[in-house]
């Protein structure tokens, strides 16, 4: 019985950790979006910097999608 409780607690902690990581990634994605928008609005000619920021945003989006499926898995009804 205690093994079940322990396994349940471990899964809860893993889910909590994934939720925390997901929150951080979403915040970073929003910050990058704001930075790209500000650079573009300011007429920045540093296209390499903008491209790098957009690439990082895409990486974050992929990781957010992966973690999202762990935190909120699709339930087939």
PDB file of N, CA and C in Angstrom:
ATOM      1  N   UNK A   1       0.824  -1.190   0.000  1.00  0.00           N
ATOM      2  CA  UNK A   1       0.000   0.000   0.000  1.00  0.00           C
ATOM      3  C   UNK A   1       0.870   1.257   0.000  1.00  0.00           C
ATOM      4  N   UNK A   2       1.935   1.262   0.814  1.00  0.00           N
ATOM      5  CA  UNK A   2       2.795   2.441   0.867  1.00  0.00           C
ATOM      6  C   UNK A   2       3.528   2.663  -0.448  1.00  0.00           C
ATOM      7  N   UNK A   3       3.778   1.600  -1.201  1.00  0.00           N
ATOM      8  CA  UNK A   3       4.414   1.750  -2.515  1.00  0.00           C
ATOM      9  C   UNK A   3       3.512   2.518  -3.453  1.00  0.00           C
ATOM     10  N   UNK A   4       2.218   2.279  -3.373  1.00  0.00           N
ATOM     11  CA  UNK A   4       1.258   3.022  -4.205  1.00  0.00           C
ATOM     12  C   UNK A   4       1.243   4.494  -3.839  1.00  0.00           C
ATOM     13  N   UNK A   5       1.222   4.749  -2.556  1.00  0.00           N
ATOM     14  CA  UNK A   5       1.222   6.133  -2.086  1.00  0.00           C
ATOM     15  C   UNK A   5       2.491   6.830  -2.540  1.00  0.00           C
ATOM     16  N   UNK A   6       3.617   6.179  -2.390  1.00  0.00           N
ATOM     17  CA  UNK A   6       4.886   6.767  -2.792  1.00  0.00           C
ATOM     18  C   UNK A   6       4.920   7.031  -4.290  1.00  0.00           C
ATOM     19  N   UNK A   7       4.434   6.077  -5.090  1.00  0.00           N
ATOM     20  CA  UNK A   7       4.419   6.248  -6.532  1.00  0.00           C
ATOM     21  C   UNK A   7       3.490   7.399  -6.916  1.00  0.00           C
ATOM     22  N   UNK A   8       2.374   7.500  -6.230  1.00  0.00           N
ATOM     23  CA  UNK A   8       1.445   8.612  -6.485  1.00  0.00           C
ATOM     24  C   UNK A   8       2.076   9.948  -6.164  1.00  0.00           C
ATOM     25  N   UNK A   9       2.800  10.008  -5.086  1.00  0.00           N
ATOM     26  CA  UNK A   9       3.478  11.261  -4.701  1.00  0.00           C
ATOM     27  C   UNK A   9       4.558  11.621  -5.691  1.00  0.00           C
ATOM     28  N   UNK A  10       5.274  10.613  -6.163  1.00  0.00           N
ATOM     29  CA  UNK A  10       6.320  10.865  -7.154  1.00  0.00           C
ATOM     30  C   UNK A  10       5.705  11.424  -8.425  1.00  0.00           C
ATOM     31  N   UNK A  11       4.602  10.834  -8.859  1.00  0.00           N
ATOM     32  CA  UNK A  11       3.939  11.309 -10.073  1.00  0.00           C
ATOM     33  C   UNK A  11       3.413  12.731  -9.890  1.00  0.00           C
ATOM     34  N   UNK A  12       2.882  13.030  -8.686  1.00  0.00           N
ATOM     35  CA  UNK A  12       2.416  14.384  -8.396  1.00  0.00           C
ATOM     36  C   UNK A  12       3.562  15.380  -8.464  1.00  0.00           C
ATOM     37  N   UNK A  13       4.712  15.005  -7.909  1.00  0.00           N
ATOM     38  CA  UNK A  13       5.877  15.883  -7.938  1.00  0.00           C
ATOM     39  C   UNK A  13       6.386  16.086  -9.365  1.00  0.00           C
ATOM     40  N   UNK A  14       6.357  15.023 -10.162  1.00  0.00           N
ATOM     41  CA  UNK A  14       6.781  15.146 -11.554  1.00  0.00           C
ATOM     42  C   UNK A  14       5.840  16.057 -12.324  1.00  0.00           C
ATOM     43  N   UNK A  15       4.549  15.915 -12.095  1.00  0.00           N
ATOM     44  CA  UNK A  15       3.564  16.768 -12.763  1.00  0.00           C
ATOM     45  C   UNK A  15       3.757  18.212 -12.324  1.00  0.00           C
ATOM     46  N   UNK A  16       3.981  18.430 -11.044  1.00  0.00           N
ATOM     47  CA  UNK A  16       4.212  19.787 -10.531  1.00  0.00           C
ATOM     48  C   UNK A  16       5.459  20.388 -11.164  1.00  0.00           C
ATOM     49  N   UNK A  17       6.511  19.591 -11.253  1.00  0.00           N
ATOM     50  CA  UNK A  17       7.748  20.054 -11.864  1.00  0.00           C
ATOM     51  C   UNK A  17       7.529  20.406 -13.333  1.00  0.00           C
ATOM     52  N   UNK A  18       6.777  19.570 -14.052  1.00  0.00           N
ATOM     53  CA  UNK A  18       6.482  19.831 -15.459  1.00  0.00           C
ATOM     54  C   UNK A  18       5.642  21.098 -15.597  1.00  0.00           C
ATOM     55  N   UNK A  19       4.687  21.289 -14.699  1.00  0.00           N
ATOM     56  CA  UNK A  19       3.856  22.498 -14.732  1.00  0.00           C
ATOM     57  C   UNK A  19       4.702  23.750 -14.495  1.00  0.00           C
ATOM     58  N   UNK A  20       5.614  23.668 -13.538  1.00  0.00           N
ATOM     59  CA  UNK A  20       6.498  24.806 -13.254  1.00  0.00           C
ATOM     60  C   UNK A  20       7.377  25.117 -14.468  1.00  0.00           C
ATOM     61  N   UNK A  21       7.943  24.088 -15.058  1.00  0.00           N
ATOM     62  CA  UNK A  21       8.793  24.263 -16.245  1.00  0.00           C
ATOM     63  C   UNK A  21       7.978  24.851 -17.401  1.00  0.00           C
ATOM     64  N   UNK A  22       6.755  24.388 -17.562  1.00  0.00           N
ATOM     65  CA  UNK A  22       5.879  24.884 -18.614  1.00  0.00           C
ATOM     66  C   UNK A  22       5.593  26.372 -18.421  1.00  0.00           C
ATOM     67  N   UNK A  23       5.353  26.759 -17.193  1.00  0.00           N
ATOM     68  CA  UNK A  23       5.088  28.170 -16.879  1.00  0.00           C
ATOM     69  C   UNK A  23       6.308  29.038 -17.227  1.00  0.00           C
ATOM     70  N   UNK A  24       7.501  28.567 -16.889  1.00  0.00           N
ATOM     71  CA  UNK A  24       8.737  29.304 -17.184  1.00  0.00           C
ATOM     72  C   UNK A  24       8.942  29.425 -18.697  1.00  0.00           C
ATOM     73  N   UNK A  25       8.712  28.329 -19.415  1.00  0.00           N
ATOM     74  CA  UNK A  25       8.889  28.351 -20.870  1.00  0.00           C
ATOM     75  C   UNK A  25       7.913  29.307 -21.541  1.00  0.00           C
ATOM     76  N   UNK A  26       6.675  29.309 -21.080  1.00  0.00           N
ATOM     77  CA  UNK A  26       5.673  30.221 -21.652  1.00  0.00           C
ATOM     78  C   UNK A  26       6.057  31.681 -21.403  1.00  0.00           C
ATOM     79  N   UNK A  27       6.572  31.947 -20.215  1.00  0.00           N
ATOM     80  CA  UNK A  27       7.000  33.306 -19.894  1.00  0.00           C
ATOM     81  C   UNK A  27       8.172  33.730 -20.786  1.00  0.00           C
ATOM     82  N   UNK A  28       9.134  32.831 -20.967  1.00  0.00           N
ATOM     83  CA  UNK A  28      10.279  33.133 -21.825  1.00  0.00           C
ATOM     84  C   UNK A  28       9.815  33.363 -23.265  1.00  0.00           C
ATOM     85  N   UNK A  29       8.857  32.573 -23.726  1.00  0.00           N
ATOM     86  CA  UNK A  29       8.329  32.718 -25.080  1.00  0.00           C
ATOM     87  C   UNK A  29       7.670  34.094 -25.240  1.00  0.00           C
ATOM     88  N   UNK A  30       6.883  34.508 -24.245  1.00  0.00           N
ATOM     89  CA  UNK A  30       6.244  35.837 -24.291  1.00  0.00           C
ATOM     90  C   UNK A  30       7.291  36.948 -24.306  1.00  0.00           C
ATOM     91  N   UNK A  31       8.334  36.789 -23.491  1.00  0.00           N
ATOM     92  CA  UNK A  31       9.396  37.797 -23.445  1.00  0.00           C
ATOM     93  C   UNK A  31      10.107  37.907 -24.794  1.00  0.00           C
ATOM     94  N   UNK A  32      10.374  36.762 -25.416  1.00  0.00           N
ATOM     95  CA  UNK A  32      11.022  36.784 -26.727  1.00  0.00           C
ATOM     96  C   UNK A  32      10.114  37.413 -27.775  1.00  0.00           C
ATOM     97  N   UNK A  33       8.832  37.124 -27.699  1.00  0.00           N
ATOM     98  CA  UNK A  33       7.878  37.704 -28.630  1.00  0.00           C
ATOM     99  C   UNK A  33       7.883  39.224 -28.502  1.00  0.00           C
ATOM    100  N   UNK A  34       7.906  39.705 -27.272  1.00  0.00           N
ATOM    101  CA  UNK A  34       7.953  41.149 -27.033  1.00  0.00           C
ATOM    102  C   UNK A  34       9.259  41.749 -27.552  1.00  0.00           C
ATOM    103  N   UNK A  35      10.365  41.046 -27.348  1.00  0.00           N
ATOM    104  CA  UNK A  35      11.665  41.542 -27.816  1.00  0.00           C
ATOM    105  C   UNK A  35      11.709  41.620 -29.334  1.00  0.00           C
ATOM    106  N   UNK A  36      11.208  40.586 -29.997  1.00  0.00           N
ATOM    107  CA  UNK A  36      11.183  40.592 -31.463  1.00  0.00           C
ATOM    108  C   UNK A  36      10.296  41.726 -31.955  1.00  0.00           C
ATOM    109  N   UNK A  37       9.137  41.880 -31.338  1.00  0.00           N
ATOM    110  CA  UNK A  37       8.229  42.964 -31.721  1.00  0.00           C
ATOM    111  C   UNK A  37       8.858  44.329 -31.543  1.00  0.00           C
ATOM    112  N   UNK A  38       9.561  44.514 -30.440  1.00  0.00           N
ATOM    113  CA  UNK A  38      10.209  45.805 -30.176  1.00  0.00           C
ATOM    114  C   UNK A  38      11.312  46.085 -31.191  1.00  0.00           C
ATOM    115  N   UNK A  39      12.101  45.064 -31.510  1.00  0.00           N
ATOM    116  CA  UNK A  39      13.168  45.246 -32.497  1.00  0.00           C
ATOM    117  C   UNK A  39      12.597  45.579 -33.877  1.00  0.00           C
ATOM    118  N   UNK A  40      11.546  44.871 -34.248  1.00  0.00           N
ATOM    119  CA  UNK A  40      10.936  45.124 -35.550  1.00  0.00           C
ATOM    120  C   UNK A  40      10.273  46.491 -35.591  1.00  0.00           C
ATOM    121  N   UNK A  41       9.616  46.884 -34.512  1.00  0.00           N
ATOM    122  CA  UNK A  41       8.954  48.187 -34.451  1.00  0.00           C
ATOM    123  C   UNK A  41       9.967  49.329 -34.482  1.00  0.00           C
ATOM    124  N   UNK A  42      11.135  49.081 -33.907  1.00  0.00           N
ATOM    125  CA  UNK A  42      12.178  50.101 -33.878  1.00  0.00           C
ATOM    126  C   UNK A  42      12.925  50.178 -35.211  1.00  0.00           C
ATOM    127  N   UNK A  43      12.585  49.262 -36.118  1.00  0.00           N
ATOM    128  CA  UNK A  43      13.250  49.263 -37.420  1.00  0.00           C
ATOM    129  C   UNK A  43      14.660  48.725 -37.366  1.00  0.00           C
ATOM    130  N   UNK A  44      14.884  47.780 -36.481  1.00  0.00           N
ATOM    131  CA  UNK A  44      16.213  47.202 -36.346  1.00  0.00           C
ATOM    132  C   UNK A  44      16.649  46.552 -37.654  1.00  0.00           C
ATOM    133  N   UNK A  45      17.902  46.757 -37.979  1.00  0.00           N
ATOM    134  CA  UNK A  45      18.456  46.140 -39.185  1.00  0.00           C
ATOM    135  C   UNK A  45      19.294  44.912 -38.843  1.00  0.00           C
ATOM    136  N   UNK A  46      19.318  44.551 -37.570  1.00  0.00           N
ATOM    137  CA  UNK A  46      20.073  43.373 -37.140  1.00  0.00           C
ATOM    138  C   UNK A  46      19.213  42.134 -37.351  1.00  0.00           C
ATOM    139  N   UNK A  47      19.112  41.714 -38.589  1.00  0.00           N
ATOM    140  CA  UNK A  47      18.255  40.589 -38.946  1.00  0.00           C
ATOM    141  C   UNK A  47      18.763  39.278 -38.345  1.00  0.00           C
ATOM    142  N   UNK A  48      20.058  39.175 -38.131  1.00  0.00           N
ATOM    143  CA  UNK A  48      20.607  37.968 -37.525  1.00  0.00           C
ATOM    144  C   UNK A  48      20.097  37.802 -36.099  1.00  0.00           C
ATOM    145  N   UNK A  49      20.086  38.890 -35.345  1.00  0.00           N
ATOM    146  CA  UNK A  49      19.590  38.839 -33.974  1.00  0.00           C
ATOM    147  C   UNK A  49      18.103  38.470 -33.966  1.00  0.00           C
ATOM    148  N   UNK A  50      17.334  39.089 -34.834  1.00  0.00           N
ATOM    149  CA  UNK A  50      15.899  38.797 -34.902  1.00  0.00           C
ATOM    150  C   UNK A  50      15.679  37.336 -35.286  1.00  0.00           C
ATOM    151  N   UNK A  51      16.455  36.848 -36.246  1.00  0.00           N
ATOM    152  CA  UNK A  51      16.330  35.460 -36.676  1.00  0.00           C
ATOM    153  C   UNK A  51      16.656  34.503 -35.528  1.00  0.00           C
ATOM    154  N   UNK A  52      17.679  34.803 -34.755  1.00  0.00           N
ATOM    155  CA  UNK A  52      18.050  33.952 -33.614  1.00  0.00           C
ATOM    156  C   UNK A  52      16.939  33.934 -32.560  1.00  0.00           C
ATOM    157  N   UNK A  53      16.366  35.108 -32.304  1.00  0.00           N
ATOM    158  CA  UNK A  53      15.280  35.176 -31.325  1.00  0.00           C
ATOM    159  C   UNK A  53      14.067  34.371 -31.795  1.00  0.00           C
ATOM    160  N   UNK A  54      13.752  34.480 -33.072  1.00  0.00           N
ATOM    161  CA  UNK A  54      12.621  33.725 -33.617  1.00  0.00           C
ATOM    162  C   UNK A  54      12.888  32.222 -33.582  1.00  0.00           C
ATOM    163  N   UNK A  55      14.120  31.829 -33.839  1.00  0.00           N
ATOM    164  CA  UNK A  55      14.476  30.414 -33.776  1.00  0.00           C
ATOM    165  C   UNK A  55      14.320  29.894 -32.351  1.00  0.00           C
ATOM    166  N   UNK A  56      14.758  30.673 -31.394  1.00  0.00           N
ATOM    167  CA  UNK A  56      14.613  30.278 -29.987  1.00  0.00           C
ATOM    168  C   UNK A  56      13.135  30.179 -29.617  1.00  0.00           C
ATOM    169  N   UNK A  57      12.317  31.108 -30.137  1.00  0.00           N
ATOM    170  CA  UNK A  57      10.878  31.042 -29.887  1.00  0.00           C
ATOM    171  C   UNK A  57      10.293  29.731 -30.401  1.00  0.00           C
ATOM    172  N   UNK A  58      10.717  29.306 -31.579  1.00  0.00           N
ATOM    173  CA  UNK A  58      10.226  28.051 -32.142  1.00  0.00           C
ATOM    174  C   UNK A  58      10.656  26.852 -31.300  1.00  0.00           C
ATOM    175  N   UNK A  59      11.886  26.889 -30.799  1.00  0.00           N
ATOM    176  CA  UNK A  59      12.360  25.819 -29.928  1.00  0.00           C
ATOM    177  C   UNK A  59      11.510  25.759 -28.654  1.00  0.00           C
ATOM    178  N   UNK A  60      11.230  26.921 -28.099  1.00  0.00           N
ATOM    179  CA  UNK A  60      10.406  26.977 -26.897  1.00  0.00           C
ATOM    180  C   UNK A  60       9.000  26.466 -27.177  1.00  0.00           C
ATOM    181  N   UNK A  61       8.459  26.857 -28.328  1.00  0.00           N
ATOM    182  CA  UNK A  61       7.115  26.421 -28.692  1.00  0.00           C
ATOM    183  C   UNK A  61       7.042  24.900 -28.767  1.00  0.00           C
ATOM    184  N   UNK A  62       8.055  24.267 -29.351  1.00  0.00           N
ATOM    185  CA  UNK A  62       8.097  22.808 -29.425  1.00  0.00           C
ATOM    186  C   UNK A  62       8.155  22.189 -28.031  1.00  0.00           C
ATOM    187  N   UNK A  63       9.004  22.747 -27.185  1.00  0.00           N
ATOM    188  CA  UNK A  63       9.135  22.209 -25.830  1.00  0.00           C
ATOM    189  C   UNK A  63       7.850  22.425 -25.034  1.00  0.00           C
ATOM    190  N   UNK A  64       7.206  23.572 -25.234  1.00  0.00           N
ATOM    191  CA  UNK A  64       5.927  23.858 -24.572  1.00  0.00           C
ATOM    192  C   UNK A  64       4.879  22.835 -25.009  1.00  0.00           C
ATOM    193  N   UNK A  65       4.843  22.532 -26.287  1.00  0.00           N
ATOM    194  CA  UNK A  65       3.887  21.565 -26.814  1.00  0.00           C
ATOM    195  C   UNK A  65       4.139  20.183 -26.198  1.00  0.00           C
ATOM    196  N   UNK A  66       5.398  19.785 -26.111  1.00  0.00           N
ATOM    197  CA  UNK A  66       5.733  18.478 -25.544  1.00  0.00           C
ATOM    198  C   UNK A  66       5.349  18.398 -24.066  1.00  0.00           C
ATOM    199  N   UNK A  67       5.717  19.411 -23.310  1.00  0.00           N
ATOM    200  CA  UNK A  67       5.383  19.416 -21.890  1.00  0.00           C
ATOM    201  C   UNK A  67       3.877  19.510 -21.683  1.00  0.00           C
ATOM    202  N   UNK A  68       3.212  20.266 -22.538  1.00  0.00           N
ATOM    203  CA  UNK A  68       1.763  20.401 -22.435  1.00  0.00           C
ATOM    204  C   UNK A  68       1.069  19.065 -22.580  1.00  0.00           C
ATOM    205  N   UNK A  69       1.584  18.216 -23.452  1.00  0.00           N
ATOM    206  CA  UNK A  69       0.970  16.900 -23.635  1.00  0.00           C
ATOM    207  C   UNK A  69       1.231  15.989 -22.437  1.00  0.00           C
ATOM    208  N   UNK A  70       2.273  16.279 -21.688  1.00  0.00           N
ATOM    209  CA  UNK A  70       2.548  15.507 -20.469  1.00  0.00           C
ATOM    210  C   UNK A  70       1.637  15.989 -19.337  1.00  0.00           C
ATOM    211  N   UNK A  71       1.525  17.299 -19.211  1.00  0.00           N
ATOM    212  CA  UNK A  71       0.735  17.878 -18.122  1.00  0.00           C
ATOM    213  C   UNK A  71      -0.752  17.648 -18.366  1.00  0.00           C
ATOM    214  N   UNK A  72      -1.203  17.858 -19.595  1.00  0.00           N
ATOM    215  CA  UNK A  72      -2.611  17.679 -19.949  1.00  0.00           C
ATOM    216  C   UNK A  72      -2.713  16.721 -21.138  1.00  0.00           C
ATOM    217  N   UNK A  73      -2.582  15.434 -20.902  1.00  0.00           N
ATOM    218  CA  UNK A  73      -2.621  14.498 -22.016  1.00  0.00           C
ATOM    219  C   UNK A  73      -4.006  14.460 -22.667  1.00  0.00           C
ATOM    220  N   UNK A  74      -4.028  14.198 -23.967  1.00  0.00           N
ATOM    221  CA  UNK A  74      -5.281  14.050 -24.682  1.00  0.00           C
ATOM    222  C   UNK A  74      -5.981  12.798 -24.161  1.00  0.00           C
ATOM    223  N   UNK A  75      -7.257  12.942 -23.909  1.00  0.00           N
ATOM    224  CA  UNK A  75      -8.039  11.805 -23.451  1.00  0.00           C
ATOM    225  C   UNK A  75      -8.991  11.428 -24.580  1.00  0.00           C
ATOM    226  N   UNK A  76      -8.843  10.216 -25.047  1.00  0.00           N
ATOM    227  CA  UNK A  76      -9.715   9.738 -26.115  1.00  0.00           C
ATOM    228  C   UNK A  76     -10.967   9.167 -25.460  1.00  0.00           C
ATOM    229  N   UNK A  77     -12.098   9.773 -25.801  1.00  0.00           N
ATOM    230  CA  UNK A  77     -13.358   9.326 -25.179  1.00  0.00           C
ATOM    231  C   UNK A  77     -14.114   8.390 -26.095  1.00  0.00           C
TER     232      UNK A  77
END
